[in-house]
Amino acid sequence: MAVVMKQLDRSEEAIEAIKSFRCRCSKQAQESLDNVLIDLYKKCGRLDEQIELLKRKLRLIYQGEVFNGKPTKTARSHGKKFQVSVKQEISRLLGNLGWAYMQKSNYLTAEVIYRKAQMIDPDANKACNLGLCLIKQGRFDDAGSVLGDVLQGKIPGSEDDKAKNKARELLMEVKAIQPPLELSDIVGLDDEFFNGLELLMNAYAPVRSKRLPIFEEISSFRDQLAC
């Protein structure tokens, strides 16, 4: 019913319908309802609710309540079933979370999230969004490097024409040399969430150094703000 209401451009009503009647649905249906809600929140611009739901789904994965200890699960899209790995699902949720933070102009937080997603399951679309985050922060060299990897085919999905065209468009912005953001334009990070995200990364990301360079940069930035 909610999907039909969404198609009829009655997304707000669909959200309320899910909230009102989901208690009557089976436990197995709850995850599908969450996915529909995420799309509805995105369409309605209800970013805070979208972000909170995405964080909750990530916590459930970390707690082992989604995949039940298995490496994959069966998902359904457009009537077709397919297998999704834990890493793919985490990366997908992080990509949606990064985009939501971008809509709130919280580019520093979005950057960290996209970098985490790329460490777990890299793809060209998230790389382009990471490049956009860097452009918004005035970090044009870093953005050019990320987008260049897409055009050079170094990231999975780089062969997709849509991803390539997006990377080219963003590189044109980089060449225009936009002025950097002032420090006052950069929004702070959610400490509690990122502590939990670090635990999730330790569980599913490839083995790397204990602390990412980006977090060293963030810590230094916080110290500067505290002075």
C-alpha atoms as a PDB file:
ATOM      1  CA  MET A   1       0.000   0.000   0.000  1.00  0.00           C
ATOM      2  CA  ALA A   2       2.787   2.416   0.929  1.00  0.00           C
ATOM      3  CA  VAL A   3       4.548   1.789  -2.387  1.00  0.00           C
ATOM      4  CA  VAL A   4       1.357   2.576  -4.311  1.00  0.00           C
ATOM      5  CA  MET A   5       0.853   5.775  -2.294  1.00  0.00           C
ATOM      6  CA  LYS A   6       4.433   6.786  -3.092  1.00  0.00           C
ATOM      7  CA  GLN A   7       3.769   6.280  -6.799  1.00  0.00           C
ATOM      8  CA  LEU A   8       0.667   8.492  -6.453  1.00  0.00           C
ATOM      9  CA  ASP A   9       2.864  11.239  -4.928  1.00  0.00           C
ATOM     10  CA  ARG A  10       1.328  10.754  -1.484  1.00  0.00           C
ATOM     11  CA  SER A  11       4.631  10.076   0.274  1.00  0.00           C
ATOM     12  CA  GLU A  12       3.755  11.827   3.541  1.00  0.00           C
ATOM     13  CA  GLU A  13       0.617   9.722   3.865  1.00  0.00           C
ATOM     14  CA  ALA A  14       2.632   6.605   3.054  1.00  0.00           C
ATOM     15  CA  ILE A  15       5.056   7.377   5.897  1.00  0.00           C
ATOM     16  CA  GLU A  16       2.245   7.728   8.399  1.00  0.00           C
ATOM     17  CA  ALA A  17       0.601   4.538   7.110  1.00  0.00           C
ATOM     18  CA  ILE A  18       3.785   2.527   7.684  1.00  0.00           C
ATOM     19  CA  LYS A  19       4.265   3.966  11.165  1.00  0.00           C
ATOM     20  CA  SER A  20       0.667   3.211  12.085  1.00  0.00           C
ATOM     21  CA  PHE A  21       0.389  -0.336  10.776  1.00  0.00           C
ATOM     22  CA  ARG A  22       3.906  -1.806  10.857  1.00  0.00           C
ATOM     23  CA  CYS A  23       3.245  -3.240  14.316  1.00  0.00           C
ATOM     24  CA  ARG A  24       0.792  -5.623  12.632  1.00  0.00           C
ATOM     25  CA  CYS A  25       3.399  -6.862  10.164  1.00  0.00           C
ATOM     26  CA  SER A  26       5.674  -9.857  10.700  1.00  0.00           C
ATOM     27  CA  LYS A  27       9.233  -9.550  11.949  1.00  0.00           C
ATOM     28  CA  GLN A  28      10.475 -10.648   8.533  1.00  0.00           C
ATOM     29  CA  ALA A  29       8.683  -7.689   6.908  1.00  0.00           C
ATOM     30  CA  GLN A  30      10.249  -5.020   9.138  1.00  0.00           C
ATOM     31  CA  GLU A  31      13.457  -4.687   7.135  1.00  0.00           C
ATOM     32  CA  SER A  32      11.523  -4.176   3.888  1.00  0.00           C
ATOM     33  CA  LEU A  33       9.384  -1.538   5.592  1.00  0.00           C
ATOM     34  CA  ASP A  34      12.545   0.226   6.759  1.00  0.00           C
ATOM     35  CA  ASN A  35      13.863   0.321   3.193  1.00  0.00           C
ATOM     36  CA  VAL A  36      10.598   1.810   1.951  1.00  0.00           C
ATOM     37  CA  LEU A  37      10.697   4.376   4.766  1.00  0.00           C
ATOM     38  CA  ILE A  38      14.247   5.408   3.843  1.00  0.00           C
ATOM     39  CA  ASP A  39      13.126   6.135   0.271  1.00  0.00           C
ATOM     40  CA  LEU A  40      10.064   8.034   1.510  1.00  0.00           C
ATOM     41  CA  TYR A  41      12.075  10.129   3.972  1.00  0.00           C
ATOM     42  CA  LYS A  42      14.508  10.958   1.175  1.00  0.00           C
ATOM     43  CA  LYS A  43      11.710  11.972  -1.188  1.00  0.00           C
ATOM     44  CA  CYS A  44      10.034  14.152   1.468  1.00  0.00           C
ATOM     45  CA  GLY A  45      13.265  15.783   2.592  1.00  0.00           C
ATOM     46  CA  ARG A  46      12.880  14.434   6.147  1.00  0.00           C
ATOM     47  CA  LEU A  47      16.635  14.147   6.560  1.00  0.00           C
ATOM     48  CA  ASP A  48      16.889  13.781  10.330  1.00  0.00           C
ATOM     49  CA  GLU A  49      14.501  10.819  10.315  1.00  0.00           C
ATOM     50  CA  GLN A  50      16.307   9.289   7.346  1.00  0.00           C
ATOM     51  CA  ILE A  51      19.675   9.629   9.086  1.00  0.00           C
ATOM     52  CA  GLU A  52      18.412   8.133  12.332  1.00  0.00           C
ATOM     53  CA  LEU A  53      16.888   5.132  10.546  1.00  0.00           C
ATOM     54  CA  LEU A  54      20.079   4.494   8.553  1.00  0.00           C
ATOM     55  CA  LYS A  55      22.150   4.617  11.733  1.00  0.00           C
ATOM     56  CA  ARG A  56      19.786   2.183  13.416  1.00  0.00           C
ATOM     57  CA  LYS A  57      20.074  -0.267  10.517  1.00  0.00           C
ATOM     58  CA  LEU A  58      23.873  -0.079  10.698  1.00  0.00           C
ATOM     59  CA  ARG A  59      23.755  -0.765  14.436  1.00  0.00           C
ATOM     60  CA  LEU A  60      21.541  -3.802  13.837  1.00  0.00           C
ATOM     61  CA  ILE A  61      24.051  -5.209  11.347  1.00  0.00           C
ATOM     62  CA  TYR A  62      26.890  -4.725  13.823  1.00  0.00           C
ATOM     63  CA  GLN A  63      24.839  -6.467  16.512  1.00  0.00           C
ATOM     64  CA  GLY A  64      24.244  -9.405  14.169  1.00  0.00           C
ATOM     65  CA  GLU A  65      20.483  -8.959  14.026  1.00  0.00           C
ATOM     66  CA  VAL A  66      20.141  -8.609  10.247  1.00  0.00           C
ATOM     67  CA  PHE A  67      22.231 -11.364   8.626  1.00  0.00           C
ATOM     68  CA  ASN A  68      21.951 -13.795  11.570  1.00  0.00           C
ATOM     69  CA  GLY A  69      25.662 -14.571  11.405  1.00  0.00           C
ATOM     70  CA  LYS A  70      25.552 -15.442   7.692  1.00  0.00           C
ATOM     71  CA  PRO A  71      27.807 -13.753   5.075  1.00  0.00           C
ATOM     72  CA  THR A  72      24.888 -13.039   2.713  1.00  0.00           C
ATOM     73  CA  LYS A  73      21.127 -12.604   2.704  1.00  0.00           C
ATOM     74  CA  THR A  74      18.437 -12.780   0.046  1.00  0.00           C
ATOM     75  CA  ALA A  75      17.123  -9.416  -1.130  1.00  0.00           C
ATOM     76  CA  ARG A  76      14.386  -8.524  -3.588  1.00  0.00           C
ATOM     77  CA  SER A  77      14.221  -5.698  -6.125  1.00  0.00           C
ATOM     78  CA  HIS A  78      11.644  -5.206  -8.887  1.00  0.00           C
ATOM     79  CA  GLY A  79      10.316  -8.701  -8.256  1.00  0.00           C
ATOM     80  CA  LYS A  80      13.715 -10.407  -8.568  1.00  0.00           C
ATOM     81  CA  LYS A  81      15.662 -12.125  -5.790  1.00  0.00           C
ATOM     82  CA  PHE A  82      19.426 -11.776  -5.409  1.00  0.00           C
ATOM     83  CA  GLN A  83      22.130 -12.294  -2.802  1.00  0.00           C
ATOM     84  CA  VAL A  84      23.592  -9.345  -0.872  1.00  0.00           C
ATOM     85  CA  SER A  85      26.749  -9.641   1.223  1.00  0.00           C
ATOM     86  CA  VAL A  86      27.256  -7.961   4.589  1.00  0.00           C
ATOM     87  CA  LYS A  87      29.863  -5.660   3.058  1.00  0.00           C
ATOM     88  CA  GLN A  88      27.576  -4.664   0.192  1.00  0.00           C
ATOM     89  CA  GLU A  89      24.727  -3.832   2.571  1.00  0.00           C
ATOM     90  CA  ILE A  90      26.936  -1.792   4.909  1.00  0.00           C
ATOM     91  CA  SER A  91      28.398   0.111   1.974  1.00  0.00           C
ATOM     92  CA  ARG A  92      24.931   0.773   0.541  1.00  0.00           C
ATOM     93  CA  LEU A  93      23.636   2.122   3.848  1.00  0.00           C
ATOM     94  CA  LEU A  94      26.741   4.266   4.341  1.00  0.00           C
ATOM     95  CA  GLY A  95      26.307   5.663   0.826  1.00  0.00           C
ATOM     96  CA  ASN A  96      22.723   6.685   1.632  1.00  0.00           C
ATOM     97  CA  LEU A  97      23.859   8.132   4.953  1.00  0.00           C
ATOM     98  CA  GLY A  98      26.616  10.145   3.310  1.00  0.00           C
ATOM     99  CA  TRP A  99      24.148  11.566   0.792  1.00  0.00           C
ATOM    100  CA  ALA A 100      21.750  12.572   3.570  1.00  0.00           C
ATOM    101  CA  TYR A 101      24.519  14.465   5.361  1.00  0.00           C
ATOM    102  CA  MET A 102      25.425  16.168   2.090  1.00  0.00           C
ATOM    103  CA  GLN A 103      21.857  17.474   1.825  1.00  0.00           C
ATOM    104  CA  LYS A 104      22.360  19.007   5.289  1.00  0.00           C
ATOM    105  CA  SER A 105      25.589  20.660   4.012  1.00  0.00           C
ATOM    106  CA  ASN A 106      27.560  18.633   6.566  1.00  0.00           C
ATOM    107  CA  TYR A 107      30.299  17.831   4.080  1.00  0.00           C
ATOM    108  CA  LEU A 108      32.993  16.813   6.550  1.00  0.00           C
ATOM    109  CA  THR A 109      30.775  14.123   8.069  1.00  0.00           C
ATOM    110  CA  ALA A 110      29.664  12.998   4.597  1.00  0.00           C
ATOM    111  CA  GLU A 111      33.305  12.729   3.508  1.00  0.00           C
ATOM    112  CA  VAL A 112      34.237  10.458   6.411  1.00  0.00           C
ATOM    113  CA  ILE A 113      31.224   8.229   5.757  1.00  0.00           C
ATOM    114  CA  TYR A 114      31.937   7.937   2.032  1.00  0.00           C
ATOM    115  CA  ARG A 115      35.573   7.058   2.735  1.00  0.00           C
ATOM    116  CA  LYS A 116      34.419   4.311   5.093  1.00  0.00           C
ATOM    117  CA  ALA A 117      31.996   2.997   2.463  1.00  0.00           C
ATOM    118  CA  GLN A 118      34.731   2.934  -0.176  1.00  0.00           C
ATOM    119  CA  MET A 119      37.029   0.969   2.126  1.00  0.00           C
ATOM    120  CA  ILE A 120      34.386  -1.743   2.520  1.00  0.00           C
ATOM    121  CA  ASP A 121      32.917  -2.022  -0.992  1.00  0.00           C
ATOM    122  CA  PRO A 122      34.152   0.667  -3.411  1.00  0.00           C
ATOM    123  CA  ASP A 123      32.144   1.848  -6.398  1.00  0.00           C
ATOM    124  CA  ALA A 124      32.300   4.733  -8.849  1.00  0.00           C
ATOM    125  CA  ASN A 125      29.051   6.421  -7.807  1.00  0.00           C
ATOM    126  CA  LYS A 126      30.150   6.828  -4.185  1.00  0.00           C
ATOM    127  CA  ALA A 127      33.560   7.980  -5.430  1.00  0.00           C
ATOM    128  CA  CYS A 128      31.857  10.782  -7.370  1.00  0.00           C
ATOM    129  CA  ASN A 129      29.892  11.795  -4.281  1.00  0.00           C
ATOM    130  CA  LEU A 130      33.110  11.790  -2.258  1.00  0.00           C
ATOM    131  CA  GLY A 131      34.634  14.030  -4.908  1.00  0.00           C
ATOM    132  CA  LEU A 132      31.686  16.403  -4.558  1.00  0.00           C
ATOM    133  CA  CYS A 133      32.182  16.505  -0.769  1.00  0.00           C
ATOM    134  CA  LEU A 134      35.802  17.490  -1.277  1.00  0.00           C
ATOM    135  CA  ILE A 135      34.866  20.180  -3.802  1.00  0.00           C
ATOM    136  CA  LYS A 136      32.383  21.660  -1.337  1.00  0.00           C
ATOM    137  CA  GLN A 137      35.209  21.875   1.196  1.00  0.00           C
ATOM    138  CA  GLY A 138      37.500  23.608  -1.271  1.00  0.00           C
ATOM    139  CA  ARG A 139      39.888  20.632  -1.417  1.00  0.00           C
ATOM    140  CA  PHE A 140      40.233  20.601  -5.181  1.00  0.00           C
ATOM    141  CA  ASP A 141      43.430  18.543  -5.461  1.00  0.00           C
ATOM    142  CA  ASP A 142      41.959  15.748  -3.365  1.00  0.00           C
ATOM    143  CA  ALA A 143      38.744  15.871  -5.377  1.00  0.00           C
ATOM    144  CA  GLY A 144      40.659  15.709  -8.649  1.00  0.00           C
ATOM    145  CA  SER A 145      42.540  12.635  -7.461  1.00  0.00           C
ATOM    146  CA  VAL A 146      39.348  10.776  -6.475  1.00  0.00           C
ATOM    147  CA  LEU A 147      37.509  11.685  -9.670  1.00  0.00           C
ATOM    148  CA  GLY A 148      40.567  10.871 -11.768  1.00  0.00           C
ATOM    149  CA  ASP A 149      40.485   7.322 -10.404  1.00  0.00           C
ATOM    150  CA  VAL A 150      36.955   6.968 -11.779  1.00  0.00           C
ATOM    151  CA  LEU A 151      37.934   8.176 -15.246  1.00  0.00           C
ATOM    152  CA  GLN A 152      40.993   5.909 -15.250  1.00  0.00           C
ATOM    153  CA  GLY A 153      38.850   2.886 -14.419  1.00  0.00           C
ATOM    154  CA  LYS A 154      40.530   2.191 -11.078  1.00  0.00           C
ATOM    155  CA  ILE A 155      37.254   1.826  -9.153  1.00  0.00           C
ATOM    156  CA  PRO A 156      34.558  -0.845  -9.674  1.00  0.00           C
ATOM    157  CA  GLY A 157      31.719   0.548 -11.759  1.00  0.00           C
ATOM    158  CA  SER A 158      33.955   3.059 -13.546  1.00  0.00           C
ATOM    159  CA  GLU A 159      32.924   1.570 -16.879  1.00  0.00           C
ATOM    160  CA  ASP A 160      29.401   2.929 -16.381  1.00  0.00           C
ATOM    161  CA  ASP A 161      28.806   5.922 -18.670  1.00  0.00           C
ATOM    162  CA  LYS A 162      26.687   7.705 -16.063  1.00  0.00           C
ATOM    163  CA  ALA A 163      29.506   7.532 -13.503  1.00  0.00           C
ATOM    164  CA  LYS A 164      32.087   8.705 -16.032  1.00  0.00           C
ATOM    165  CA  ASN A 165      29.957  11.644 -17.135  1.00  0.00           C
ATOM    166  CA  LYS A 166      29.375  12.651 -13.530  1.00  0.00           C
ATOM    167  CA  ALA A 167      33.108  12.497 -12.811  1.00  0.00           C
ATOM    168  CA  ARG A 168      33.851  14.645 -15.873  1.00  0.00           C
ATOM    169  CA  GLU A 169      31.272  17.254 -14.839  1.00  0.00           C
ATOM    170  CA  LEU A 170      32.708  17.456 -11.336  1.00  0.00           C
ATOM    171  CA  LEU A 171      36.245  17.746 -12.694  1.00  0.00           C
ATOM    172  CA  MET A 172      35.104  20.734 -14.724  1.00  0.00           C
ATOM    173  CA  GLU A 173      34.041  22.335 -11.428  1.00  0.00           C
ATOM    174  CA  VAL A 174      37.452  21.573  -9.971  1.00  0.00           C
ATOM    175  CA  LYS A 175      39.157  23.279 -12.910  1.00  0.00           C
ATOM    176  CA  ALA A 176      37.017  26.339 -12.304  1.00  0.00           C
ATOM    177  CA  ILE A 177      38.883  26.663  -8.963  1.00  0.00           C
ATOM    178  CA  GLN A 178      36.067  27.612  -6.645  1.00  0.00           C
ATOM    179  CA  PRO A 179      37.060  29.517  -3.480  1.00  0.00           C
ATOM    180  CA  PRO A 180      37.464  27.303  -0.369  1.00  0.00           C
ATOM    181  CA  LEU A 181      34.917  27.253   2.435  1.00  0.00           C
ATOM    182  CA  GLU A 182      35.544  29.202   5.608  1.00  0.00           C
ATOM    183  CA  LEU A 183      36.124  27.114   8.736  1.00  0.00           C
ATOM    184  CA  SER A 184      32.816  28.386  10.085  1.00  0.00           C
ATOM    185  CA  ASP A 185      31.032  26.624   7.213  1.00  0.00           C
ATOM    186  CA  ILE A 186      32.222  23.172   8.282  1.00  0.00           C
ATOM    187  CA  VAL A 187      29.819  21.384  10.613  1.00  0.00           C
ATOM    188  CA  GLY A 188      31.112  19.223  13.492  1.00  0.00           C
ATOM    189  CA  LEU A 189      30.941  15.460  13.698  1.00  0.00           C
ATOM    190  CA  ASP A 190      28.709  13.178  15.722  1.00  0.00           C
ATOM    191  CA  ASP A 191      31.231  11.643  18.162  1.00  0.00           C
ATOM    192  CA  GLU A 192      28.998   8.861  19.479  1.00  0.00           C
ATOM    193  CA  PHE A 193      28.010   7.674  16.011  1.00  0.00           C
ATOM    194  CA  PHE A 194      31.575   7.630  14.698  1.00  0.00           C
ATOM    195  CA  ASN A 195      32.819   5.673  17.685  1.00  0.00           C
ATOM    196  CA  GLY A 196      30.254   3.025  16.763  1.00  0.00           C
ATOM    197  CA  LEU A 197      31.212   3.264  13.098  1.00  0.00           C
ATOM    198  CA  GLU A 198      34.843   2.572  14.023  1.00  0.00           C
ATOM    199  CA  LEU A 199      33.730  -0.679  15.662  1.00  0.00           C
ATOM    200  CA  LEU A 200      31.767  -1.618  12.540  1.00  0.00           C
ATOM    201  CA  MET A 201      34.807  -0.906  10.373  1.00  0.00           C
ATOM    202  CA  ASN A 202      37.040  -3.046  12.588  1.00  0.00           C
ATOM    203  CA  ALA A 203      34.634  -5.926  12.060  1.00  0.00           C
ATOM    204  CA  TYR A 204      34.138  -5.715   8.281  1.00  0.00           C
ATOM    205  CA  ALA A 205      36.785  -3.520   6.611  1.00  0.00           C
ATOM    206  CA  PRO A 206      40.091  -4.912   5.289  1.00  0.00           C
ATOM    207  CA  VAL A 207      42.918  -4.898   7.845  1.00  0.00           C
ATOM    208  CA  ARG A 208      44.600  -1.501   7.870  1.00  0.00           C
ATOM    209  CA  SER A 209      46.243   0.810  10.327  1.00  0.00           C
ATOM    210  CA  LYS A 210      44.357   1.209  13.594  1.00  0.00           C
ATOM    211  CA  ARG A 211      43.524   4.850  12.927  1.00  0.00           C
ATOM    212  CA  LEU A 212      42.683   6.315   9.544  1.00  0.00           C
ATOM    213  CA  PRO A 213      44.509   9.484   8.409  1.00  0.00           C
ATOM    214  CA  ILE A 214      41.168  11.230   8.021  1.00  0.00           C
ATOM    215  CA  PHE A 215      40.479  10.767  11.743  1.00  0.00           C
ATOM    216  CA  GLU A 216      43.878  12.259  12.584  1.00  0.00           C
ATOM    217  CA  GLU A 217      42.915  15.278  10.487  1.00  0.00           C
ATOM    218  CA  ILE A 218      39.569  15.530  12.225  1.00  0.00           C
ATOM    219  CA  SER A 219      41.143  15.278  15.694  1.00  0.00           C
ATOM    220  CA  SER A 220      43.554  18.071  14.802  1.00  0.00           C
ATOM    221  CA  PHE A 221      40.694  20.164  13.465  1.00  0.00           C
ATOM    222  CA  ARG A 222      38.700  19.650  16.669  1.00  0.00           C
ATOM    223  CA  ASP A 223      41.717  20.679  18.779  1.00  0.00           C
ATOM    224  CA  GLN A 224      41.987  23.896  16.785  1.00  0.00           C
ATOM    225  CA  LEU A 225      38.310  24.670  17.355  1.00  0.00           C
ATOM    226  CA  ALA A 226      38.643  23.964  21.077  1.00  0.00           C
ATOM    227  CA  CYS A 227      41.467  26.503  21.514  1.00  0.00           C
END
